[in-house]
């Protein structure tokens, strides 16, 4: 097994890691017999240490799912394994690994760790476009990450992920209305819960 061990300059009290549809925070030191027996846990694209007040920590951004573990003074990532069962050929040959270290102040949520992880895994691209009139879109609050944008009879369908740890209220602003795709009535604002992936119909009010 090939592992990467990262010592922490400041002891961690909690570890946050993304999971399918949200984020899980765990104590940095095992508290129960089950936690003491756990070798590592899978994460999708990031995990981060969180220090005691006033906060701060270190996030590790990954380019794909990995097994990770930790203690109060280090973060660990399993990069390659050489298993003999069930597939003896697993992880053989050349491999290319990408990761990034992101120190932050305050909390991982306020620092935008989850958004940075998405940008790291799926970097943006640009291309030349023909000249055409531009229509600006209302800005999004920091915890909300756009996932998709499609045309709709009432404007557009915007797919959003709240990758933060708290409810987020989005008010598009004057001249805009928003509703969940399953709803019939539009409003001036919408509340999105932590880890929620939602499709919103956004349009300009008449």
N, C-alpha and C. Protein backbone atom coordinates (compact mmCIF):
# COMPACT_ATOMS: atom_id res chain seq x y z
N UNK A 1 0.84 -1.20 0.00
CA UNK A 1 0.00 0.00 0.00
C UNK A 1 0.88 1.25 0.00
N UNK A 2 0.52 2.21 -0.83
CA UNK A 2 1.20 3.50 -0.88
C UNK A 2 0.30 4.54 -0.24
N UNK A 3 0.81 5.20 0.81
CA UNK A 3 0.01 6.18 1.54
C UNK A 3 0.74 7.51 1.62
N UNK A 4 -0.03 8.55 1.79
CA UNK A 4 0.50 9.89 2.01
C UNK A 4 0.04 10.35 3.39
N UNK A 5 1.00 10.72 4.24
CA UNK A 5 0.71 11.18 5.59
C UNK A 5 1.07 12.66 5.68
N UNK A 6 0.12 13.48 6.13
CA UNK A 6 0.31 14.92 6.21
C UNK A 6 0.24 15.36 7.67
N UNK A 7 1.35 15.77 8.26
CA UNK A 7 1.29 16.26 9.65
C UNK A 7 0.58 17.61 9.71
N UNK A 8 -0.12 17.85 10.81
CA UNK A 8 -0.85 19.10 11.01
C UNK A 8 -0.09 20.00 11.98
N UNK A 9 0.03 21.26 11.63
CA UNK A 9 0.72 22.22 12.51
C UNK A 9 -0.12 22.54 13.73
N UNK A 10 -1.46 22.50 13.58
CA UNK A 10 -2.38 22.79 14.68
C UNK A 10 -3.27 21.58 14.90
N UNK A 11 -3.37 21.08 16.13
CA UNK A 11 -4.18 19.89 16.37
C UNK A 11 -5.63 20.09 15.94
N UNK A 12 -6.21 19.03 15.39
CA UNK A 12 -7.61 19.07 14.95
C UNK A 12 -8.51 18.54 16.07
N UNK A 13 -9.72 19.10 16.14
CA UNK A 13 -10.73 18.58 17.06
C UNK A 13 -11.83 17.84 16.30
N UNK A 14 -12.02 18.19 15.02
CA UNK A 14 -13.01 17.52 14.18
C UNK A 14 -12.43 17.34 12.78
N UNK A 15 -12.99 16.37 12.07
CA UNK A 15 -12.64 16.12 10.67
C UNK A 15 -13.93 16.15 9.87
N UNK A 16 -13.96 16.94 8.82
CA UNK A 16 -15.11 17.00 7.92
C UNK A 16 -14.74 16.33 6.60
N UNK A 17 -15.69 15.61 6.02
CA UNK A 17 -15.44 14.94 4.74
C UNK A 17 -16.73 14.87 3.95
N UNK A 18 -16.63 15.02 2.64
CA UNK A 18 -17.84 14.93 1.84
C UNK A 18 -18.25 13.48 1.66
N UNK A 19 -19.53 13.31 1.42
CA UNK A 19 -20.10 12.00 1.17
C UNK A 19 -21.20 12.17 0.16
N UNK A 20 -21.83 11.11 -0.25
CA UNK A 20 -22.89 11.22 -1.24
C UNK A 20 -24.04 12.05 -0.69
N UNK A 21 -24.25 13.22 -1.28
CA UNK A 21 -25.36 14.08 -0.89
C UNK A 21 -25.12 14.93 0.34
N UNK A 22 -23.89 15.10 0.78
CA UNK A 22 -23.70 15.95 1.95
C UNK A 22 -22.29 15.89 2.50
N UNK A 23 -22.16 16.27 3.77
CA UNK A 23 -20.89 16.32 4.47
C UNK A 23 -21.08 15.70 5.85
N UNK A 24 -20.10 14.93 6.31
CA UNK A 24 -20.13 14.33 7.64
C UNK A 24 -18.95 14.88 8.44
N UNK A 25 -19.23 15.34 9.65
CA UNK A 25 -18.18 15.75 10.57
C UNK A 25 -18.02 14.68 11.64
N UNK A 26 -16.77 14.32 11.93
CA UNK A 26 -16.47 13.31 12.93
C UNK A 26 -15.42 13.86 13.89
N UNK A 27 -15.36 13.32 15.11
CA UNK A 27 -14.29 13.74 16.03
C UNK A 27 -12.93 13.33 15.49
N UNK A 28 -11.91 14.15 15.75
CA UNK A 28 -10.57 13.83 15.24
C UNK A 28 -9.96 12.65 15.98
N UNK A 29 -10.34 12.45 17.25
CA UNK A 29 -9.86 11.31 18.02
C UNK A 29 -11.01 10.33 18.22
N UNK A 30 -10.79 9.03 18.11
CA UNK A 30 -11.88 8.06 18.28
C UNK A 30 -12.47 8.14 19.68
N UNK A 31 -13.80 8.08 19.74
CA UNK A 31 -14.51 8.21 21.01
C UNK A 31 -15.15 6.90 21.46
N UNK A 32 -15.40 5.99 20.53
CA UNK A 32 -16.07 4.74 20.85
C UNK A 32 -15.22 3.57 20.35
N UNK A 33 -15.58 2.36 20.81
CA UNK A 33 -14.85 1.17 20.37
C UNK A 33 -14.99 0.98 18.87
N UNK A 34 -16.16 1.33 18.32
CA UNK A 34 -16.36 1.19 16.87
C UNK A 34 -15.46 2.14 16.11
N UNK A 35 -15.32 3.36 16.61
CA UNK A 35 -14.44 4.32 15.93
C UNK A 35 -12.98 3.91 16.06
N UNK A 36 -12.60 3.31 17.20
CA UNK A 36 -11.22 2.86 17.38
C UNK A 36 -10.88 1.72 16.43
N UNK A 37 -11.87 0.89 16.10
CA UNK A 37 -11.62 -0.25 15.21
C UNK A 37 -11.64 0.12 13.74
N UNK A 38 -12.11 1.32 13.43
CA UNK A 38 -12.23 1.71 12.03
C UNK A 38 -10.84 2.02 11.45
N UNK A 39 -10.56 1.41 10.29
CA UNK A 39 -9.26 1.66 9.66
C UNK A 39 -9.29 2.96 8.86
N UNK A 40 -10.23 3.10 7.95
CA UNK A 40 -10.34 4.32 7.18
C UNK A 40 -11.76 4.43 6.63
N UNK A 41 -12.08 5.59 6.07
CA UNK A 41 -13.41 5.81 5.50
C UNK A 41 -13.24 6.32 4.07
N UNK A 42 -14.22 6.08 3.21
CA UNK A 42 -14.14 6.60 1.83
C UNK A 42 -14.64 8.03 1.76
N UNK A 43 -13.97 8.86 0.99
CA UNK A 43 -14.46 10.20 0.69
C UNK A 43 -14.46 10.38 -0.82
N UNK A 44 -15.25 11.34 -1.28
CA UNK A 44 -15.42 11.53 -2.72
C UNK A 44 -14.41 12.51 -3.29
N UNK A 45 -14.33 13.70 -2.68
CA UNK A 45 -13.46 14.71 -3.31
C UNK A 45 -12.70 15.58 -2.31
N UNK A 46 -12.98 15.51 -1.00
CA UNK A 46 -12.21 16.32 -0.05
C UNK A 46 -12.45 15.84 1.38
N UNK A 47 -11.47 16.16 2.23
CA UNK A 47 -11.67 16.08 3.68
C UNK A 47 -10.77 17.12 4.32
N UNK A 48 -11.12 17.53 5.53
CA UNK A 48 -10.45 18.68 6.13
C UNK A 48 -10.41 18.55 7.65
N UNK A 49 -9.31 19.02 8.23
CA UNK A 49 -9.21 19.13 9.68
C UNK A 49 -9.83 20.44 10.12
N UNK A 50 -10.37 20.45 11.33
CA UNK A 50 -10.96 21.66 11.90
C UNK A 50 -10.39 21.82 13.30
N UNK A 51 -9.70 22.93 13.54
CA UNK A 51 -9.08 23.18 14.84
C UNK A 51 -10.07 23.83 15.79
N UNK A 52 -9.69 23.88 17.06
CA UNK A 52 -10.52 24.55 18.06
C UNK A 52 -10.56 26.05 17.77
N UNK A 53 -11.49 26.75 18.45
CA UNK A 53 -11.65 28.19 18.25
C UNK A 53 -10.32 28.90 18.37
N UNK A 54 -10.05 29.86 17.49
CA UNK A 54 -10.94 30.47 16.49
C UNK A 54 -11.06 29.70 15.18
N UNK A 55 -10.70 28.43 15.15
CA UNK A 55 -10.90 27.62 13.95
C UNK A 55 -9.67 27.57 13.07
N UNK A 56 -9.91 27.27 11.81
CA UNK A 56 -8.84 27.08 10.85
C UNK A 56 -8.53 25.60 10.69
N UNK A 57 -7.80 25.27 9.66
CA UNK A 57 -7.45 23.88 9.43
C UNK A 57 -6.82 23.69 8.07
N UNK A 58 -6.74 22.44 7.67
CA UNK A 58 -6.14 22.06 6.40
C UNK A 58 -7.11 21.15 5.66
N UNK A 59 -7.39 21.48 4.41
CA UNK A 59 -8.23 20.63 3.57
C UNK A 59 -7.37 19.96 2.51
N UNK A 60 -7.73 18.74 2.18
CA UNK A 60 -7.09 18.00 1.09
C UNK A 60 -8.14 17.80 0.00
N UNK A 61 -7.87 18.34 -1.18
CA UNK A 61 -8.77 18.22 -2.32
C UNK A 61 -8.28 17.07 -3.19
N UNK A 62 -9.19 16.17 -3.55
CA UNK A 62 -8.84 14.96 -4.28
C UNK A 62 -9.47 14.97 -5.67
N UNK A 63 -8.88 14.22 -6.60
CA UNK A 63 -9.44 14.15 -7.95
C UNK A 63 -10.31 12.92 -8.15
N UNK A 64 -10.61 12.22 -7.08
CA UNK A 64 -11.49 11.06 -7.16
C UNK A 64 -11.62 10.41 -5.80
N UNK A 65 -12.54 9.46 -5.65
CA UNK A 65 -12.74 8.81 -4.35
C UNK A 65 -11.47 8.14 -3.85
N UNK A 66 -11.21 8.29 -2.55
CA UNK A 66 -10.05 7.68 -1.92
C UNK A 66 -10.44 7.24 -0.52
N UNK A 67 -9.65 6.32 0.02
CA UNK A 67 -9.76 5.96 1.42
C UNK A 67 -8.86 6.85 2.26
N UNK A 68 -9.40 7.39 3.35
CA UNK A 68 -8.63 8.32 4.18
C UNK A 68 -8.77 7.92 5.65
N UNK A 69 -7.82 8.37 6.45
CA UNK A 69 -7.91 8.25 7.90
C UNK A 69 -7.24 9.46 8.51
N UNK A 70 -7.28 9.57 9.85
CA UNK A 70 -6.78 10.77 10.49
C UNK A 70 -6.57 10.53 11.98
N UNK A 71 -5.90 11.47 12.59
CA UNK A 71 -5.84 11.61 14.03
C UNK A 71 -5.81 13.10 14.30
N UNK A 72 -5.63 13.49 15.54
CA UNK A 72 -5.66 14.92 15.86
C UNK A 72 -4.44 15.66 15.30
N UNK A 73 -3.38 14.93 14.92
CA UNK A 73 -2.17 15.61 14.47
C UNK A 73 -1.75 15.25 13.05
N UNK A 74 -2.62 14.53 12.28
CA UNK A 74 -2.24 14.18 10.92
C UNK A 74 -3.48 13.83 10.10
N UNK A 75 -3.29 13.89 8.77
CA UNK A 75 -4.27 13.42 7.80
C UNK A 75 -3.58 12.38 6.92
N UNK A 76 -4.30 11.29 6.59
CA UNK A 76 -3.71 10.23 5.78
C UNK A 76 -4.58 9.87 4.60
N UNK A 77 -3.96 9.59 3.46
CA UNK A 77 -4.68 9.19 2.25
C UNK A 77 -4.03 7.93 1.69
N UNK A 78 -4.83 6.92 1.40
CA UNK A 78 -4.34 5.71 0.74
C UNK A 78 -4.40 5.94 -0.77
N UNK A 79 -3.24 6.00 -1.40
CA UNK A 79 -3.15 6.31 -2.82
C UNK A 79 -3.24 5.08 -3.71
N UNK A 80 -2.52 4.03 -3.35
CA UNK A 80 -2.50 2.80 -4.15
C UNK A 80 -2.50 1.60 -3.22
N UNK A 81 -3.11 0.53 -3.68
CA UNK A 81 -3.12 -0.73 -2.93
C UNK A 81 -2.61 -1.83 -3.86
N UNK A 82 -2.15 -2.92 -3.26
CA UNK A 82 -1.73 -4.08 -4.04
C UNK A 82 -2.48 -5.32 -3.57
N UNK A 83 -3.79 -5.33 -3.68
CA UNK A 83 -4.55 -6.48 -3.15
C UNK A 83 -4.32 -7.73 -3.99
N UNK A 84 -4.45 -8.86 -3.34
CA UNK A 84 -4.37 -10.14 -4.05
C UNK A 84 -5.75 -10.75 -4.26
N UNK A 85 -6.76 -10.15 -3.67
CA UNK A 85 -8.13 -10.67 -3.82
C UNK A 85 -9.09 -9.48 -3.75
N UNK A 86 -10.13 -9.41 -4.55
CA UNK A 86 -10.55 -10.42 -5.54
C UNK A 86 -9.86 -10.26 -6.90
N UNK A 87 -9.13 -9.15 -7.10
CA UNK A 87 -8.49 -8.92 -8.40
C UNK A 87 -6.99 -8.71 -8.18
N UNK A 88 -6.17 -9.72 -8.41
CA UNK A 88 -4.72 -9.57 -8.19
C UNK A 88 -4.07 -8.51 -9.08
N UNK A 89 -4.74 -8.09 -10.16
CA UNK A 89 -4.15 -7.11 -11.08
C UNK A 89 -4.53 -5.67 -10.72
N UNK A 90 -5.29 -5.50 -9.65
CA UNK A 90 -5.73 -4.15 -9.30
C UNK A 90 -4.55 -3.25 -8.94
N UNK A 91 -4.64 -1.99 -9.39
CA UNK A 91 -3.65 -0.95 -9.08
C UNK A 91 -2.25 -1.28 -9.60
N UNK A 92 -2.16 -2.10 -10.66
CA UNK A 92 -0.87 -2.38 -11.26
C UNK A 92 -0.58 -1.36 -12.37
N UNK A 93 0.70 -1.15 -12.66
CA UNK A 93 1.06 -0.24 -13.74
C UNK A 93 1.22 1.19 -13.26
N UNK A 94 1.29 2.11 -14.24
CA UNK A 94 1.49 3.52 -13.94
C UNK A 94 0.17 4.17 -13.51
N UNK A 95 0.29 5.07 -12.56
CA UNK A 95 -0.88 5.81 -12.07
C UNK A 95 -0.51 7.29 -11.98
N UNK A 96 -1.51 8.13 -12.23
CA UNK A 96 -1.33 9.58 -12.08
C UNK A 96 -2.29 10.05 -11.00
N UNK A 97 -1.74 10.66 -9.95
CA UNK A 97 -2.54 11.13 -8.83
C UNK A 97 -2.47 12.65 -8.75
N UNK A 98 -3.61 13.26 -8.49
CA UNK A 98 -3.67 14.72 -8.27
C UNK A 98 -4.32 14.98 -6.93
N UNK A 99 -3.75 15.89 -6.17
CA UNK A 99 -4.40 16.39 -4.96
C UNK A 99 -3.87 17.79 -4.68
N UNK A 100 -4.59 18.50 -3.87
CA UNK A 100 -4.19 19.87 -3.53
C UNK A 100 -4.39 20.08 -2.05
N UNK A 101 -3.53 20.89 -1.46
CA UNK A 101 -3.65 21.26 -0.05
C UNK A 101 -4.21 22.67 0.05
N UNK A 102 -5.22 22.84 0.90
CA UNK A 102 -5.90 24.12 1.02
C UNK A 102 -5.99 24.52 2.50
N UNK A 103 -5.01 25.27 3.01
CA UNK A 103 -5.15 25.79 4.37
C UNK A 103 -6.25 26.85 4.42
N UNK A 104 -6.95 26.94 5.52
CA UNK A 104 -8.04 27.90 5.61
C UNK A 104 -8.17 28.42 7.03
N UNK A 105 -8.75 29.60 7.15
CA UNK A 105 -9.09 30.20 8.44
C UNK A 105 -10.58 30.00 8.69
N UNK A 106 -10.98 30.04 9.95
CA UNK A 106 -12.39 29.88 10.27
C UNK A 106 -12.85 28.45 10.05
N UNK A 107 -14.00 28.28 9.42
CA UNK A 107 -14.57 26.94 9.20
C UNK A 107 -14.41 26.53 7.75
N UNK A 108 -14.46 25.22 7.51
CA UNK A 108 -14.36 24.71 6.14
C UNK A 108 -15.51 25.22 5.28
N UNK A 109 -16.70 25.38 5.89
CA UNK A 109 -17.86 25.83 5.12
C UNK A 109 -17.69 27.28 4.68
N UNK A 110 -17.29 28.15 5.62
CA UNK A 110 -17.10 29.56 5.28
C UNK A 110 -15.95 29.75 4.30
N UNK A 111 -14.96 28.87 4.35
CA UNK A 111 -13.81 28.99 3.45
C UNK A 111 -14.10 28.47 2.05
N UNK A 112 -15.25 27.82 1.85
CA UNK A 112 -15.60 27.33 0.52
C UNK A 112 -14.81 26.11 0.09
N UNK A 113 -14.52 25.21 1.03
CA UNK A 113 -13.73 24.03 0.69
C UNK A 113 -14.46 23.15 -0.32
N UNK A 114 -15.75 22.92 -0.11
CA UNK A 114 -16.47 22.04 -1.03
C UNK A 114 -16.52 22.61 -2.44
N UNK A 115 -16.66 23.95 -2.56
CA UNK A 115 -16.67 24.57 -3.89
C UNK A 115 -15.28 24.47 -4.52
N UNK A 116 -14.24 24.64 -3.71
CA UNK A 116 -12.88 24.52 -4.24
C UNK A 116 -12.60 23.10 -4.73
N UNK A 117 -13.17 22.11 -4.04
CA UNK A 117 -12.97 20.72 -4.45
C UNK A 117 -13.63 20.45 -5.80
N UNK A 118 -14.81 21.01 -6.01
CA UNK A 118 -15.48 20.84 -7.29
C UNK A 118 -14.67 21.50 -8.41
N UNK A 119 -14.16 22.71 -8.14
CA UNK A 119 -13.35 23.40 -9.14
C UNK A 119 -12.06 22.63 -9.43
N UNK A 120 -11.52 21.95 -8.43
CA UNK A 120 -10.29 21.17 -8.62
C UNK A 120 -10.56 19.94 -9.47
N UNK A 121 -11.66 19.26 -9.20
CA UNK A 121 -11.98 18.04 -9.95
C UNK A 121 -12.51 18.33 -11.34
N UNK A 122 -13.25 19.42 -11.47
CA UNK A 122 -13.89 19.75 -12.74
C UNK A 122 -13.54 21.19 -13.13
N UNK A 123 -12.31 21.44 -13.54
CA UNK A 123 -11.89 22.80 -13.88
C UNK A 123 -12.70 23.36 -15.04
N UNK A 124 -12.95 24.65 -14.99
CA UNK A 124 -13.72 25.31 -16.04
C UNK A 124 -12.95 25.37 -17.35
N UNK A 125 -13.65 25.67 -18.42
CA UNK A 125 -13.02 25.81 -19.73
C UNK A 125 -13.63 27.03 -20.41
N UNK A 126 -12.93 27.53 -21.39
CA UNK A 126 -13.42 28.69 -22.12
C UNK A 126 -13.21 28.45 -23.61
N UNK A 127 -14.04 29.11 -24.41
CA UNK A 127 -13.94 28.97 -25.86
C UNK A 127 -14.51 30.23 -26.51
N UNK A 128 -14.14 30.47 -27.75
CA UNK A 128 -14.65 31.61 -28.49
C UNK A 128 -16.12 31.39 -28.82
N UNK A 129 -16.92 32.45 -28.67
CA UNK A 129 -18.33 32.40 -29.01
C UNK A 129 -18.66 33.55 -29.95
N UNK A 130 -19.62 33.37 -30.83
CA UNK A 130 -20.02 34.49 -31.69
C UNK A 130 -20.64 35.61 -30.87
N UNK A 131 -20.50 36.82 -31.37
CA UNK A 131 -21.07 37.98 -30.68
C UNK A 131 -22.59 37.85 -30.63
N UNK A 132 -23.15 38.12 -29.45
CA UNK A 132 -24.60 38.02 -29.25
C UNK A 132 -24.96 38.83 -28.02
N UNK A 133 -26.21 39.26 -27.93
CA UNK A 133 -26.63 39.98 -26.71
C UNK A 133 -26.46 39.10 -25.48
N UNK A 134 -26.02 39.70 -24.39
CA UNK A 134 -25.81 38.97 -23.15
C UNK A 134 -26.93 39.27 -22.17
N UNK A 135 -27.37 38.22 -21.46
CA UNK A 135 -28.34 38.40 -20.39
C UNK A 135 -27.69 37.91 -19.10
N UNK A 136 -27.51 38.82 -18.13
CA UNK A 136 -26.81 38.47 -16.91
C UNK A 136 -27.74 37.72 -15.97
N UNK A 137 -27.15 36.82 -15.19
CA UNK A 137 -27.89 35.97 -14.27
C UNK A 137 -27.62 36.45 -12.85
N UNK A 138 -28.61 36.39 -11.96
CA UNK A 138 -28.37 36.84 -10.58
C UNK A 138 -27.31 35.99 -9.89
N UNK A 139 -26.54 36.61 -9.03
CA UNK A 139 -25.45 35.91 -8.35
C UNK A 139 -26.00 34.93 -7.31
N UNK A 140 -25.18 33.94 -6.97
CA UNK A 140 -25.57 32.91 -6.01
C UNK A 140 -24.83 33.12 -4.69
N UNK A 141 -25.47 32.79 -3.56
CA UNK A 141 -24.77 32.81 -2.28
C UNK A 141 -23.60 31.83 -2.29
N UNK A 142 -22.66 32.06 -1.41
CA UNK A 142 -21.41 31.31 -1.42
C UNK A 142 -21.60 29.80 -1.29
N UNK A 143 -22.49 29.27 -0.41
CA UNK A 143 -22.57 27.81 -0.27
C UNK A 143 -23.19 27.10 -1.46
N UNK A 144 -23.88 27.81 -2.34
CA UNK A 144 -24.60 27.16 -3.43
C UNK A 144 -23.68 26.98 -4.64
N UNK A 145 -23.71 25.75 -5.19
CA UNK A 145 -22.87 25.41 -6.34
C UNK A 145 -23.76 25.08 -7.52
N UNK A 146 -23.65 25.79 -8.63
CA UNK A 146 -24.46 25.45 -9.81
C UNK A 146 -24.00 24.14 -10.43
N UNK A 147 -24.95 23.28 -10.78
CA UNK A 147 -24.64 21.98 -11.38
C UNK A 147 -25.08 21.92 -12.84
N UNK A 148 -26.19 22.59 -13.17
CA UNK A 148 -26.69 22.56 -14.54
C UNK A 148 -27.61 23.73 -14.81
N UNK A 149 -27.74 24.08 -16.08
CA UNK A 149 -28.60 25.18 -16.51
C UNK A 149 -29.24 24.80 -17.83
N UNK A 150 -30.58 24.84 -17.88
CA UNK A 150 -31.31 24.46 -19.09
C UNK A 150 -32.40 25.49 -19.37
N UNK A 151 -32.79 25.57 -20.62
CA UNK A 151 -33.88 26.45 -21.01
C UNK A 151 -35.21 25.92 -20.47
N UNK A 152 -36.12 26.85 -20.22
CA UNK A 152 -37.45 26.50 -19.73
C UNK A 152 -38.43 27.53 -20.26
N UNK A 153 -39.70 27.13 -20.39
CA UNK A 153 -40.70 28.05 -20.92
C UNK A 153 -40.84 29.30 -20.07
N UNK A 154 -40.59 29.19 -18.77
CA UNK A 154 -40.71 30.33 -17.86
C UNK A 154 -39.37 31.00 -17.57
N UNK A 155 -38.32 30.64 -18.27
CA UNK A 155 -36.99 31.22 -18.04
C UNK A 155 -35.91 30.17 -18.22
N UNK A 156 -35.47 29.58 -17.10
CA UNK A 156 -34.48 28.53 -17.17
C UNK A 156 -34.62 27.64 -15.94
N UNK A 157 -34.11 26.42 -16.05
CA UNK A 157 -34.05 25.50 -14.92
C UNK A 157 -32.60 25.47 -14.43
N UNK A 158 -32.42 25.87 -13.19
CA UNK A 158 -31.10 25.92 -12.58
C UNK A 158 -31.00 24.81 -11.54
N UNK A 159 -30.05 23.90 -11.72
CA UNK A 159 -29.82 22.84 -10.75
C UNK A 159 -28.71 23.29 -9.80
N UNK A 160 -29.03 23.27 -8.50
CA UNK A 160 -28.11 23.77 -7.48
C UNK A 160 -27.85 22.70 -6.44
N UNK A 161 -26.63 22.72 -5.90
CA UNK A 161 -26.27 21.87 -4.77
C UNK A 161 -25.86 22.77 -3.61
N UNK A 162 -26.50 22.58 -2.46
CA UNK A 162 -26.06 23.28 -1.26
C UNK A 162 -25.01 22.40 -0.59
N UNK A 163 -23.76 22.69 -0.86
CA UNK A 163 -22.67 21.88 -0.34
C UNK A 163 -22.20 22.37 1.02
N UNK A 164 -22.90 23.34 1.60
CA UNK A 164 -22.54 23.84 2.92
C UNK A 164 -23.18 23.03 4.03
N UNK A 165 -23.00 23.50 5.27
CA UNK A 165 -23.48 22.78 6.45
C UNK A 165 -24.71 23.42 7.06
N UNK A 166 -25.30 24.41 6.41
CA UNK A 166 -26.46 25.11 6.97
C UNK A 166 -27.45 25.42 5.86
N UNK A 167 -28.69 25.71 6.27
CA UNK A 167 -29.68 26.14 5.29
C UNK A 167 -29.21 27.42 4.61
N UNK A 168 -29.58 27.57 3.35
CA UNK A 168 -29.17 28.76 2.60
C UNK A 168 -30.40 29.37 1.93
N UNK A 169 -30.60 30.64 2.12
CA UNK A 169 -31.71 31.36 1.49
C UNK A 169 -31.18 32.15 0.31
N UNK A 170 -31.76 31.92 -0.85
CA UNK A 170 -31.34 32.63 -2.06
C UNK A 170 -32.46 33.55 -2.50
N UNK A 171 -32.13 34.83 -2.59
CA UNK A 171 -33.04 35.86 -3.10
C UNK A 171 -32.43 36.41 -4.39
N UNK A 172 -32.94 36.02 -5.56
CA UNK A 172 -32.31 36.45 -6.81
C UNK A 172 -32.23 37.96 -6.97
N UNK A 173 -33.19 38.69 -6.40
CA UNK A 173 -33.15 40.14 -6.49
C UNK A 173 -34.34 40.71 -7.25
N UNK A 174 -34.36 42.03 -7.33
CA UNK A 174 -35.47 42.71 -7.98
C UNK A 174 -35.60 42.27 -9.44
N UNK A 175 -36.84 42.02 -9.83
CA UNK A 175 -37.11 41.63 -11.21
C UNK A 175 -36.99 40.15 -11.49
N UNK A 176 -36.72 39.34 -10.46
CA UNK A 176 -36.56 37.89 -10.64
C UNK A 176 -37.53 37.14 -9.74
N UNK A 177 -37.99 36.00 -10.22
CA UNK A 177 -38.84 35.09 -9.46
C UNK A 177 -38.24 33.68 -9.54
N UNK A 178 -38.46 32.90 -8.49
CA UNK A 178 -37.88 31.56 -8.43
C UNK A 178 -38.87 30.61 -7.78
N UNK A 179 -38.85 29.38 -8.24
CA UNK A 179 -39.68 28.32 -7.65
C UNK A 179 -39.01 26.98 -7.88
N UNK A 180 -39.36 26.03 -7.03
CA UNK A 180 -38.92 24.66 -7.27
C UNK A 180 -39.65 24.12 -8.49
N UNK A 181 -38.98 23.25 -9.23
CA UNK A 181 -39.56 22.78 -10.49
C UNK A 181 -40.89 22.07 -10.27
N UNK A 182 -41.08 21.44 -9.10
CA UNK A 182 -42.32 20.73 -8.83
C UNK A 182 -43.44 21.64 -8.36
N UNK A 183 -43.11 22.90 -8.01
CA UNK A 183 -44.12 23.84 -7.52
C UNK A 183 -44.71 24.61 -8.68
N UNK A 184 -45.88 25.21 -8.42
CA UNK A 184 -46.55 25.99 -9.46
C UNK A 184 -46.44 27.49 -9.21
N UNK A 185 -46.21 27.90 -7.96
CA UNK A 185 -46.16 29.32 -7.62
C UNK A 185 -44.72 29.76 -7.41
N UNK A 186 -44.35 30.85 -8.06
CA UNK A 186 -43.01 31.41 -7.90
C UNK A 186 -42.99 32.40 -6.76
N UNK A 187 -41.82 32.62 -6.19
CA UNK A 187 -41.65 33.55 -5.07
C UNK A 187 -40.39 34.36 -5.29
N UNK A 188 -40.13 35.26 -4.36
CA UNK A 188 -38.95 36.11 -4.48
C UNK A 188 -37.71 35.47 -3.88
N UNK A 189 -37.87 34.35 -3.15
CA UNK A 189 -36.73 33.69 -2.52
C UNK A 189 -37.03 32.21 -2.35
N UNK A 190 -35.98 31.43 -2.10
CA UNK A 190 -36.12 29.99 -1.87
C UNK A 190 -35.08 29.59 -0.83
N UNK A 191 -35.43 28.60 0.01
CA UNK A 191 -34.52 28.08 1.03
C UNK A 191 -34.10 26.68 0.64
N UNK A 192 -32.79 26.42 0.67
CA UNK A 192 -32.22 25.13 0.27
C UNK A 192 -31.51 24.53 1.47
N UNK A 193 -31.82 23.29 1.79
CA UNK A 193 -31.28 22.65 2.98
C UNK A 193 -29.87 22.11 2.71
N UNK A 194 -29.09 21.81 3.77
CA UNK A 194 -27.73 21.29 3.57
C UNK A 194 -27.72 19.99 2.78
N UNK A 195 -26.84 19.90 1.80
CA UNK A 195 -26.71 18.70 1.00
C UNK A 195 -27.79 18.50 -0.04
N UNK A 196 -28.72 19.45 -0.15
CA UNK A 196 -29.84 19.29 -1.08
C UNK A 196 -29.42 19.61 -2.50
N UNK A 197 -29.82 18.75 -3.43
CA UNK A 197 -29.68 19.00 -4.86
C UNK A 197 -31.07 19.31 -5.39
N UNK A 198 -31.27 20.52 -5.90
CA UNK A 198 -32.61 20.99 -6.24
C UNK A 198 -32.62 21.58 -7.64
N UNK A 199 -33.76 21.44 -8.31
CA UNK A 199 -33.97 22.06 -9.62
C UNK A 199 -34.92 23.24 -9.43
N UNK A 200 -34.47 24.42 -9.80
CA UNK A 200 -35.25 25.64 -9.63
C UNK A 200 -35.57 26.25 -10.99
N UNK A 201 -36.79 26.73 -11.11
CA UNK A 201 -37.18 27.49 -12.30
C UNK A 201 -36.99 28.96 -11.96
N UNK A 202 -36.12 29.61 -12.69
CA UNK A 202 -35.78 31.01 -12.44
C UNK A 202 -36.17 31.82 -13.67
N UNK A 203 -36.89 32.91 -13.44
CA UNK A 203 -37.31 33.75 -14.55
C UNK A 203 -37.46 35.20 -14.11
N UNK A 204 -37.48 36.08 -15.09
CA UNK A 204 -37.69 37.49 -14.80
C UNK A 204 -39.18 37.77 -14.69
N UNK A 205 -39.54 38.54 -13.65
CA UNK A 205 -40.94 38.86 -13.44
C UNK A 205 -41.38 39.90 -14.45
N UNK A 206 -42.65 39.83 -14.82
CA UNK A 206 -43.17 40.75 -15.85
C UNK A 206 -43.48 42.10 -15.24
